[in-house]
Protein backbone atom coordinates (compact mmCIF):
# COMPACT_ATOMS: atom_id res chain seq x y z
CA UNK A 1 0.00 0.00 0.00
CA UNK A 2 1.25 3.47 -0.91
CA UNK A 3 0.40 6.51 1.20
CA UNK A 4 0.78 10.24 0.67
CA UNK A 5 0.18 13.15 3.03
CA UNK A 6 -0.72 16.77 2.25
CA UNK A 7 2.94 17.73 2.48
CA UNK A 8 3.66 15.30 -0.38
CA UNK A 9 5.54 12.60 1.54
CA UNK A 10 5.10 9.41 -0.47
CA UNK A 11 5.66 6.35 1.74
CA UNK A 12 5.04 2.63 1.99
CA UNK A 13 5.81 -0.19 4.41
CA UNK A 14 7.41 -1.97 1.42
CA UNK A 15 10.39 -0.14 -0.10
CA UNK A 16 10.24 -2.18 -3.31
CA UNK A 17 6.63 -1.21 -3.80
CA UNK A 18 7.48 2.42 -3.02
CA UNK A 19 10.27 2.51 -5.63
CA UNK A 20 8.07 0.87 -8.29
CA UNK A 21 5.22 3.30 -7.62
CA UNK A 22 7.58 6.28 -7.68
CA UNK A 23 9.03 5.14 -11.01
CA UNK A 24 5.53 4.79 -12.50
CA UNK A 25 4.73 8.26 -11.19
CA UNK A 26 7.80 9.60 -12.99
CA UNK A 27 10.01 10.21 -9.97
CA UNK A 28 13.73 9.53 -10.25
CA UNK A 29 15.33 7.03 -7.87
CA UNK A 30 17.94 9.68 -7.04
CA UNK A 31 15.13 11.73 -5.48
CA UNK A 32 14.51 9.04 -2.86
CA UNK A 33 14.95 10.45 0.63
CA UNK A 34 16.64 7.47 2.25
CA UNK A 35 19.34 9.20 4.28
CA UNK A 36 17.33 8.57 7.46
CA UNK A 37 16.42 4.87 7.56
CA UNK A 38 13.51 5.64 9.90
CA UNK A 39 11.91 8.02 7.39
CA UNK A 40 12.34 6.64 3.81
CA UNK A 41 10.15 8.56 1.40
CA UNK A 42 9.87 10.50 -1.81
CA UNK A 43 8.88 14.16 -1.81
CA UNK A 44 6.09 14.84 -4.29
CA UNK A 45 6.49 18.57 -4.74
CA UNK A 46 3.87 19.42 -7.34
CA UNK A 47 0.14 19.35 -6.75
CA UNK A 48 -0.37 17.79 -10.19
CA UNK A 49 1.90 14.85 -9.31
CA UNK A 50 0.22 14.50 -5.91
CA UNK A 51 -3.19 14.26 -7.63
CA UNK A 52 -1.78 11.74 -10.09
CA UNK A 53 -0.39 9.63 -7.23
CA UNK A 54 -3.86 9.52 -5.69
CA UNK A 55 -5.38 8.61 -9.07
CA UNK A 56 -2.84 5.77 -9.28
CA UNK A 57 -3.98 4.44 -5.92
CA UNK A 58 -2.01 6.25 -3.20
CA UNK A 59 -4.06 6.63 -0.05
CA UNK A 60 -4.22 10.15 1.39
CA UNK A 61 -3.38 10.21 5.10
CA UNK A 62 -2.37 12.80 7.66
CA UNK A 63 1.24 13.44 8.63
CA UNK A 64 0.80 11.65 11.96
CA UNK A 65 -0.50 8.61 10.11
CA UNK A 66 2.61 8.64 7.88
CA UNK A 67 4.79 8.54 10.99
CA UNK A 68 2.73 5.68 12.45
CA UNK A 69 2.91 3.72 9.19
CA UNK A 70 6.68 4.05 9.04
CA UNK A 71 7.18 3.16 12.70
CA UNK A 72 5.04 0.04 12.35
CA UNK A 73 6.24 -1.02 8.94
CA UNK A 74 9.99 -0.75 9.03
PDB file of N, CA and C in Angstrom:
ATOM      1  N   UNK A   1       0.855  -1.174   0.000  1.00  0.00           N
ATOM      2  CA  UNK A   1       0.000   0.000   0.000  1.00  0.00           C
ATOM      3  C   UNK A   1       0.903   1.240   0.000  1.00  0.00           C
ATOM      4  N   UNK A   2       0.526   2.211  -0.805  1.00  0.00           N
ATOM      5  CA  UNK A   2       1.248   3.475  -0.909  1.00  0.00           C
ATOM      6  C   UNK A   2       0.410   4.559  -0.247  1.00  0.00           C
ATOM      7  N   UNK A   3       1.075   5.424   0.492  1.00  0.00           N
ATOM      8  CA  UNK A   3       0.399   6.509   1.200  1.00  0.00           C
ATOM      9  C   UNK A   3       1.051   7.837   0.839  1.00  0.00           C
ATOM     10  N   UNK A   4       0.248   8.904   0.896  1.00  0.00           N
ATOM     11  CA  UNK A   4       0.777  10.245   0.671  1.00  0.00           C
ATOM     12  C   UNK A   4       0.053  11.204   1.605  1.00  0.00           C
ATOM     13  N   UNK A   5       0.810  12.147   2.167  1.00  0.00           N
ATOM     14  CA  UNK A   5       0.178  13.147   3.025  1.00  0.00           C
ATOM     15  C   UNK A   5       0.090  14.479   2.284  1.00  0.00           C
ATOM     16  N   UNK A   6      -0.535  15.470   2.911  1.00  0.00           N
ATOM     17  CA  UNK A   6      -0.722  16.767   2.251  1.00  0.00           C
ATOM     18  C   UNK A   6       0.599  17.458   1.948  1.00  0.00           C
ATOM     19  N   UNK A   7       1.626  17.147   2.719  1.00  0.00           N
ATOM     20  CA  UNK A   7       2.944  17.732   2.477  1.00  0.00           C
ATOM     21  C   UNK A   7       3.650  17.069   1.296  1.00  0.00           C
ATOM     22  N   UNK A   8       3.084  15.971   0.783  1.00  0.00           N
ATOM     23  CA  UNK A   8       3.660  15.302  -0.375  1.00  0.00           C
ATOM     24  C   UNK A   8       4.655  14.209  -0.049  1.00  0.00           C
ATOM     25  N   UNK A   9       4.662  13.711   1.191  1.00  0.00           N
ATOM     26  CA  UNK A   9       5.540  12.598   1.539  1.00  0.00           C
ATOM     27  C   UNK A   9       4.902  11.301   1.050  1.00  0.00           C
ATOM     28  N   UNK A  10       5.566  10.665   0.112  1.00  0.00           N
ATOM     29  CA  UNK A  10       5.099   9.409  -0.466  1.00  0.00           C
ATOM     30  C   UNK A  10       5.819   8.275   0.256  1.00  0.00           C
ATOM     31  N   UNK A  11       5.061   7.401   0.917  1.00  0.00           N
ATOM     32  CA  UNK A  11       5.661   6.353   1.744  1.00  0.00           C
ATOM     33  C   UNK A  11       4.953   5.021   1.531  1.00  0.00           C
ATOM     34  N   UNK A  12       5.617   3.964   1.986  1.00  0.00           N
ATOM     35  CA  UNK A  12       5.042   2.628   1.986  1.00  0.00           C
ATOM     36  C   UNK A  12       5.781   1.796   3.021  1.00  0.00           C
ATOM     37  N   UNK A  13       5.136   0.755   3.514  1.00  0.00           N
ATOM     38  CA  UNK A  13       5.815  -0.186   4.407  1.00  0.00           C
ATOM     39  C   UNK A  13       6.790  -1.066   3.622  1.00  0.00           C
ATOM     40  N   UNK A  14       6.611  -1.121   2.306  1.00  0.00           N
ATOM     41  CA  UNK A  14       7.409  -1.973   1.422  1.00  0.00           C
ATOM     42  C   UNK A  14       8.228  -1.074   0.492  1.00  0.00           C
ATOM     43  N   UNK A  15       9.547  -1.039   0.696  1.00  0.00           N
ATOM     44  CA  UNK A  15      10.386  -0.144  -0.104  1.00  0.00           C
ATOM     45  C   UNK A  15      10.380  -0.505  -1.583  1.00  0.00           C
ATOM     46  N   UNK A  16      10.313  -1.787  -1.904  1.00  0.00           N
ATOM     47  CA  UNK A  16      10.244  -2.185  -3.307  1.00  0.00           C
ATOM     48  C   UNK A  16       9.002  -1.632  -3.974  1.00  0.00           C
ATOM     49  N   UNK A  17       7.879  -1.755  -3.284  1.00  0.00           N
ATOM     50  CA  UNK A  17       6.627  -1.213  -3.800  1.00  0.00           C
ATOM     51  C   UNK A  17       6.709   0.303  -3.936  1.00  0.00           C
ATOM     52  N   UNK A  18       7.329   0.961  -2.969  1.00  0.00           N
ATOM     53  CA  UNK A  18       7.482   2.419  -3.019  1.00  0.00           C
ATOM     54  C   UNK A  18       8.297   2.835  -4.234  1.00  0.00           C
ATOM     55  N   UNK A  19       9.419   2.161  -4.481  1.00  0.00           N
ATOM     56  CA  UNK A  19      10.266   2.512  -5.625  1.00  0.00           C
ATOM     57  C   UNK A  19       9.546   2.255  -6.956  1.00  0.00           C
ATOM     58  N   UNK A  20       8.813   1.155  -7.054  1.00  0.00           N
ATOM     59  CA  UNK A  20       8.066   0.871  -8.292  1.00  0.00           C
ATOM     60  C   UNK A  20       7.003   1.943  -8.538  1.00  0.00           C
ATOM     61  N   UNK A  21       6.272   2.292  -7.496  1.00  0.00           N
ATOM     62  CA  UNK A  21       5.220   3.298  -7.621  1.00  0.00           C
ATOM     63  C   UNK A  21       5.830   4.641  -8.021  1.00  0.00           C
ATOM     64  N   UNK A  22       6.919   5.010  -7.376  1.00  0.00           N
ATOM     65  CA  UNK A  22       7.578   6.285  -7.682  1.00  0.00           C
ATOM     66  C   UNK A  22       8.035   6.315  -9.143  1.00  0.00           C
ATOM     67  N   UNK A  23       8.587   5.205  -9.616  1.00  0.00           N
ATOM     68  CA  UNK A  23       9.031   5.135 -11.015  1.00  0.00           C
ATOM     69  C   UNK A  23       7.844   5.320 -11.954  1.00  0.00           C
ATOM     70  N   UNK A  24       6.724   4.652 -11.662  1.00  0.00           N
ATOM     71  CA  UNK A  24       5.531   4.791 -12.503  1.00  0.00           C
ATOM     72  C   UNK A  24       4.978   6.215 -12.459  1.00  0.00           C
ATOM     73  N   UNK A  25       5.183   6.884 -11.340  1.00  0.00           N
ATOM     74  CA  UNK A  25       4.734   8.264 -11.186  1.00  0.00           C
ATOM     75  C   UNK A  25       5.654   9.236 -11.921  1.00  0.00           C
ATOM     76  N   UNK A  26       6.847   8.764 -12.277  1.00  0.00           N
ATOM     77  CA  UNK A  26       7.799   9.605 -12.994  1.00  0.00           C
ATOM     78  C   UNK A  26       8.871  10.217 -12.107  1.00  0.00           C
ATOM     79  N   UNK A  27       8.986   9.706 -10.882  1.00  0.00           N
ATOM     80  CA  UNK A  27      10.013  10.214  -9.974  1.00  0.00           C
ATOM     81  C   UNK A  27      11.316   9.459 -10.199  1.00  0.00           C
ATOM     82  N   UNK A  28      12.421  10.153 -10.089  1.00  0.00           N
ATOM     83  CA  UNK A  28      13.733   9.529 -10.249  1.00  0.00           C
ATOM     84  C   UNK A  28      14.157   8.855  -8.951  1.00  0.00           C
ATOM     85  N   UNK A  29      14.844   7.746  -9.063  1.00  0.00           N
ATOM     86  CA  UNK A  29      15.333   7.033  -7.874  1.00  0.00           C
ATOM     87  C   UNK A  29      16.277   7.921  -7.062  1.00  0.00           C
ATOM     88  N   UNK A  30      17.011   8.785  -7.750  1.00  0.00           N
ATOM     89  CA  UNK A  30      17.944   9.675  -7.044  1.00  0.00           C
ATOM     90  C   UNK A  30      17.216  10.672  -6.143  1.00  0.00           C
ATOM     91  N   UNK A  31      15.917  10.820  -6.323  1.00  0.00           N
ATOM     92  CA  UNK A  31      15.130  11.728  -5.484  1.00  0.00           C
ATOM     93  C   UNK A  31      14.663  11.060  -4.192  1.00  0.00           C
ATOM     94  N   UNK A  32      14.923   9.775  -4.053  1.00  0.00           N
ATOM     95  CA  UNK A  32      14.514   9.041  -2.856  1.00  0.00           C
ATOM     96  C   UNK A  32      15.209   9.621  -1.631  1.00  0.00           C
ATOM     97  N   UNK A  33      14.434   9.886  -0.616  1.00  0.00           N
ATOM     98  CA  UNK A  33      14.948  10.447   0.635  1.00  0.00           C
ATOM     99  C   UNK A  33      15.208   9.301   1.611  1.00  0.00           C
ATOM    100  N   UNK A  34      16.339   8.636   1.444  1.00  0.00           N
ATOM    101  CA  UNK A  34      16.644   7.475   2.255  1.00  0.00           C
ATOM    102  C   UNK A  34      17.778   7.686   3.236  1.00  0.00           C
ATOM    103  N   UNK A  35      18.211   8.926   3.395  1.00  0.00           N
ATOM    104  CA  UNK A  35      19.344   9.201   4.283  1.00  0.00           C
ATOM    105  C   UNK A  35      19.022   8.900   5.749  1.00  0.00           C
ATOM    106  N   UNK A  36      17.752   8.958   6.111  1.00  0.00           N
ATOM    107  CA  UNK A  36      17.326   8.571   7.457  1.00  0.00           C
ATOM    108  C   UNK A  36      16.533   7.271   7.325  1.00  0.00           C
ATOM    109  N   UNK A  37      17.102   6.153   7.755  1.00  0.00           N
ATOM    110  CA  UNK A  37      16.418   4.867   7.562  1.00  0.00           C
ATOM    111  C   UNK A  37      15.075   4.763   8.286  1.00  0.00           C
ATOM    112  N   UNK A  38      14.806   5.655   9.214  1.00  0.00           N
ATOM    113  CA  UNK A  38      13.512   5.645   9.905  1.00  0.00           C
ATOM    114  C   UNK A  38      12.446   6.415   9.134  1.00  0.00           C
ATOM    115  N   UNK A  39      12.838   7.140   8.087  1.00  0.00           N
ATOM    116  CA  UNK A  39      11.908   8.017   7.385  1.00  0.00           C
ATOM    117  C   UNK A  39      12.124   7.944   5.868  1.00  0.00           C
ATOM    118  N   UNK A  40      12.130   6.748   5.265  1.00  0.00           N
ATOM    119  CA  UNK A  40      12.342   6.636   3.815  1.00  0.00           C
ATOM    120  C   UNK A  40      11.105   7.096   3.053  1.00  0.00           C
ATOM    121  N   UNK A  41      11.290   8.018   2.136  1.00  0.00           N
ATOM    122  CA  UNK A  41      10.152   8.561   1.404  1.00  0.00           C
ATOM    123  C   UNK A  41      10.619   9.279   0.142  1.00  0.00           C
ATOM    124  N   UNK A  42       9.669   9.592  -0.687  1.00  0.00           N
ATOM    125  CA  UNK A  42       9.872  10.503  -1.806  1.00  0.00           C
ATOM    126  C   UNK A  42       9.079  11.763  -1.501  1.00  0.00           C
ATOM    127  N   UNK A  43       9.616  12.905  -1.913  1.00  0.00           N
ATOM    128  CA  UNK A  43       8.878  14.158  -1.809  1.00  0.00           C
ATOM    129  C   UNK A  43       8.186  14.417  -3.138  1.00  0.00           C
ATOM    130  N   UNK A  44       6.880  14.511  -3.096  1.00  0.00           N
ATOM    131  CA  UNK A  44       6.090  14.843  -4.286  1.00  0.00           C
ATOM    132  C   UNK A  44       5.790  16.331  -4.171  1.00  0.00           C
ATOM    133  N   UNK A  45       6.503  17.120  -4.954  1.00  0.00           N
ATOM    134  CA  UNK A  45       6.489  18.569  -4.740  1.00  0.00           C
ATOM    135  C   UNK A  45       5.466  19.330  -5.569  1.00  0.00           C
ATOM    136  N   UNK A  46       4.873  18.705  -6.546  1.00  0.00           N
ATOM    137  CA  UNK A  46       3.869  19.424  -7.341  1.00  0.00           C
ATOM    138  C   UNK A  46       2.480  18.871  -7.044  1.00  0.00           C
ATOM    139  N   UNK A  47       1.517  19.758  -7.016  1.00  0.00           N
ATOM    140  CA  UNK A  47       0.135  19.350  -6.749  1.00  0.00           C
ATOM    141  C   UNK A  47      -0.369  18.411  -7.844  1.00  0.00           C
ATOM    142  N   UNK A  48       0.057  18.650  -9.089  1.00  0.00           N
ATOM    143  CA  UNK A  48      -0.370  17.789 -10.194  1.00  0.00           C
ATOM    144  C   UNK A  48       0.127  16.353  -9.984  1.00  0.00           C
ATOM    145  N   UNK A  49       1.373  16.198  -9.565  1.00  0.00           N
ATOM    146  CA  UNK A  49       1.900  14.851  -9.307  1.00  0.00           C
ATOM    147  C   UNK A  49       1.230  14.221  -8.096  1.00  0.00           C
ATOM    148  N   UNK A  50       0.918  15.025  -7.089  1.00  0.00           N
ATOM    149  CA  UNK A  50       0.221  14.503  -5.912  1.00  0.00           C
ATOM    150  C   UNK A  50      -1.151  13.963  -6.321  1.00  0.00           C
ATOM    151  N   UNK A  51      -1.873  14.719  -7.148  1.00  0.00           N
ATOM    152  CA  UNK A  51      -3.185  14.257  -7.633  1.00  0.00           C
ATOM    153  C   UNK A  51      -3.033  12.979  -8.444  1.00  0.00           C
ATOM    154  N   UNK A  52      -2.006  12.931  -9.275  1.00  0.00           N
ATOM    155  CA  UNK A  52      -1.776  11.737 -10.095  1.00  0.00           C
ATOM    156  C   UNK A  52      -1.474  10.527  -9.209  1.00  0.00           C
ATOM    157  N   UNK A  53      -0.691  10.733  -8.155  1.00  0.00           N
ATOM    158  CA  UNK A  53      -0.389   9.634  -7.231  1.00  0.00           C
ATOM    159  C   UNK A  53      -1.674   9.071  -6.631  1.00  0.00           C
ATOM    160  N   UNK A  54      -2.586   9.956  -6.259  1.00  0.00           N
ATOM    161  CA  UNK A  54      -3.863   9.516  -5.694  1.00  0.00           C
ATOM    162  C   UNK A  54      -4.673   8.774  -6.754  1.00  0.00           C
ATOM    163  N   UNK A  55      -4.676   9.284  -7.978  1.00  0.00           N
ATOM    164  CA  UNK A  55      -5.384   8.610  -9.070  1.00  0.00           C
ATOM    165  C   UNK A  55      -4.811   7.215  -9.317  1.00  0.00           C
ATOM    166  N   UNK A  56      -3.504   7.060  -9.087  1.00  0.00           N
ATOM    167  CA  UNK A  56      -2.841   5.770  -9.283  1.00  0.00           C
ATOM    168  C   UNK A  56      -3.049   4.827  -8.098  1.00  0.00           C
ATOM    169  N   UNK A  57      -3.669   5.325  -7.033  1.00  0.00           N
ATOM    170  CA  UNK A  57      -3.982   4.444  -5.916  1.00  0.00           C
ATOM    171  C   UNK A  57      -3.378   4.797  -4.575  1.00  0.00           C
ATOM    172  N   UNK A  58      -2.565   5.846  -4.504  1.00  0.00           N
ATOM    173  CA  UNK A  58      -2.012   6.247  -3.204  1.00  0.00           C
ATOM    174  C   UNK A  58      -3.146   6.691  -2.287  1.00  0.00           C
ATOM    175  N   UNK A  59      -3.053   6.300  -1.041  1.00  0.00           N
ATOM    176  CA  UNK A  59      -4.064   6.634  -0.048  1.00  0.00           C
ATOM    177  C   UNK A  59      -3.633   7.904   0.680  1.00  0.00           C
ATOM    178  N   UNK A  60      -4.517   8.895   0.713  1.00  0.00           N
ATOM    179  CA  UNK A  60      -4.217  10.153   1.394  1.00  0.00           C
ATOM    180  C   UNK A  60      -4.393   9.960   2.899  1.00  0.00           C
ATOM    181  N   UNK A  61      -3.351  10.308   3.644  1.00  0.00           N
ATOM    182  CA  UNK A  61      -3.378  10.208   5.103  1.00  0.00           C
ATOM    183  C   UNK A  61      -2.777  11.479   5.693  1.00  0.00           C
ATOM    184  N   UNK A  62      -2.973  11.670   6.968  1.00  0.00           N
ATOM    185  CA  UNK A  62      -2.366  12.797   7.663  1.00  0.00           C
ATOM    186  C   UNK A  62      -0.900  12.526   7.972  1.00  0.00           C
ATOM    187  N   UNK A  63      -0.187  13.574   8.328  1.00  0.00           N
ATOM    188  CA  UNK A  63       1.241  13.439   8.629  1.00  0.00           C
ATOM    189  C   UNK A  63       1.492  12.508   9.807  1.00  0.00           C
ATOM    190  N   UNK A  64       0.633  12.552  10.810  1.00  0.00           N
ATOM    191  CA  UNK A  64       0.796  11.651  11.960  1.00  0.00           C
ATOM    192  C   UNK A  64       0.623  10.195  11.544  1.00  0.00           C
ATOM    193  N   UNK A  65      -0.283   9.971  10.610  1.00  0.00           N
ATOM    194  CA  UNK A  65      -0.500   8.613  10.112  1.00  0.00           C
ATOM    195  C   UNK A  65       0.728   8.127   9.347  1.00  0.00           C
ATOM    196  N   UNK A  66       1.375   9.010   8.589  1.00  0.00           N
ATOM    197  CA  UNK A  66       2.606   8.644   7.881  1.00  0.00           C
ATOM    198  C   UNK A  66       3.655   8.175   8.885  1.00  0.00           C
ATOM    199  N   UNK A  67       3.815   8.920   9.961  1.00  0.00           N
ATOM    200  CA  UNK A  67       4.791   8.545  10.988  1.00  0.00           C
ATOM    201  C   UNK A  67       4.433   7.183  11.582  1.00  0.00           C
ATOM    202  N   UNK A  68       3.168   6.960  11.884  1.00  0.00           N
ATOM    203  CA  UNK A  68       2.735   5.679  12.450  1.00  0.00           C
ATOM    204  C   UNK A  68       3.006   4.529  11.482  1.00  0.00           C
ATOM    205  N   UNK A  69       2.690   4.747  10.214  1.00  0.00           N
ATOM    206  CA  UNK A  69       2.911   3.719   9.188  1.00  0.00           C
ATOM    207  C   UNK A  69       4.386   3.338   9.134  1.00  0.00           C
ATOM    208  N   UNK A  70       5.257   4.334   9.124  1.00  0.00           N
ATOM    209  CA  UNK A  70       6.685   4.053   9.036  1.00  0.00           C
ATOM    210  C   UNK A  70       7.209   3.381  10.303  1.00  0.00           C
ATOM    211  N   UNK A  71       6.732   3.791  11.452  1.00  0.00           N
ATOM    212  CA  UNK A  71       7.179   3.160  12.703  1.00  0.00           C
ATOM    213  C   UNK A  71       6.753   1.699  12.764  1.00  0.00           C
ATOM    214  N   UNK A  72       5.550   1.409  12.301  1.00  0.00           N
ATOM    215  CA  UNK A  72       5.039   0.040  12.350  1.00  0.00           C
ATOM    216  C   UNK A  72       5.612  -0.837  11.252  1.00  0.00           C
ATOM    217  N   UNK A  73       5.902  -0.224  10.101  1.00  0.00           N
ATOM    218  CA  UNK A  73       6.239  -1.019   8.936  1.00  0.00           C
ATOM    219  C   UNK A  73       7.693  -1.318   8.714  1.00  0.00           C
ATOM    220  N   UNK A  74       8.576  -0.553   9.327  1.00  0.00           N
ATOM    221  CA  UNK A  74       9.994  -0.752   9.030  1.00  0.00           C
ATOM    222  C   UNK A  74      10.732  -1.402  10.169  1.00  0.00           C
TER     223      UNK A  74
END
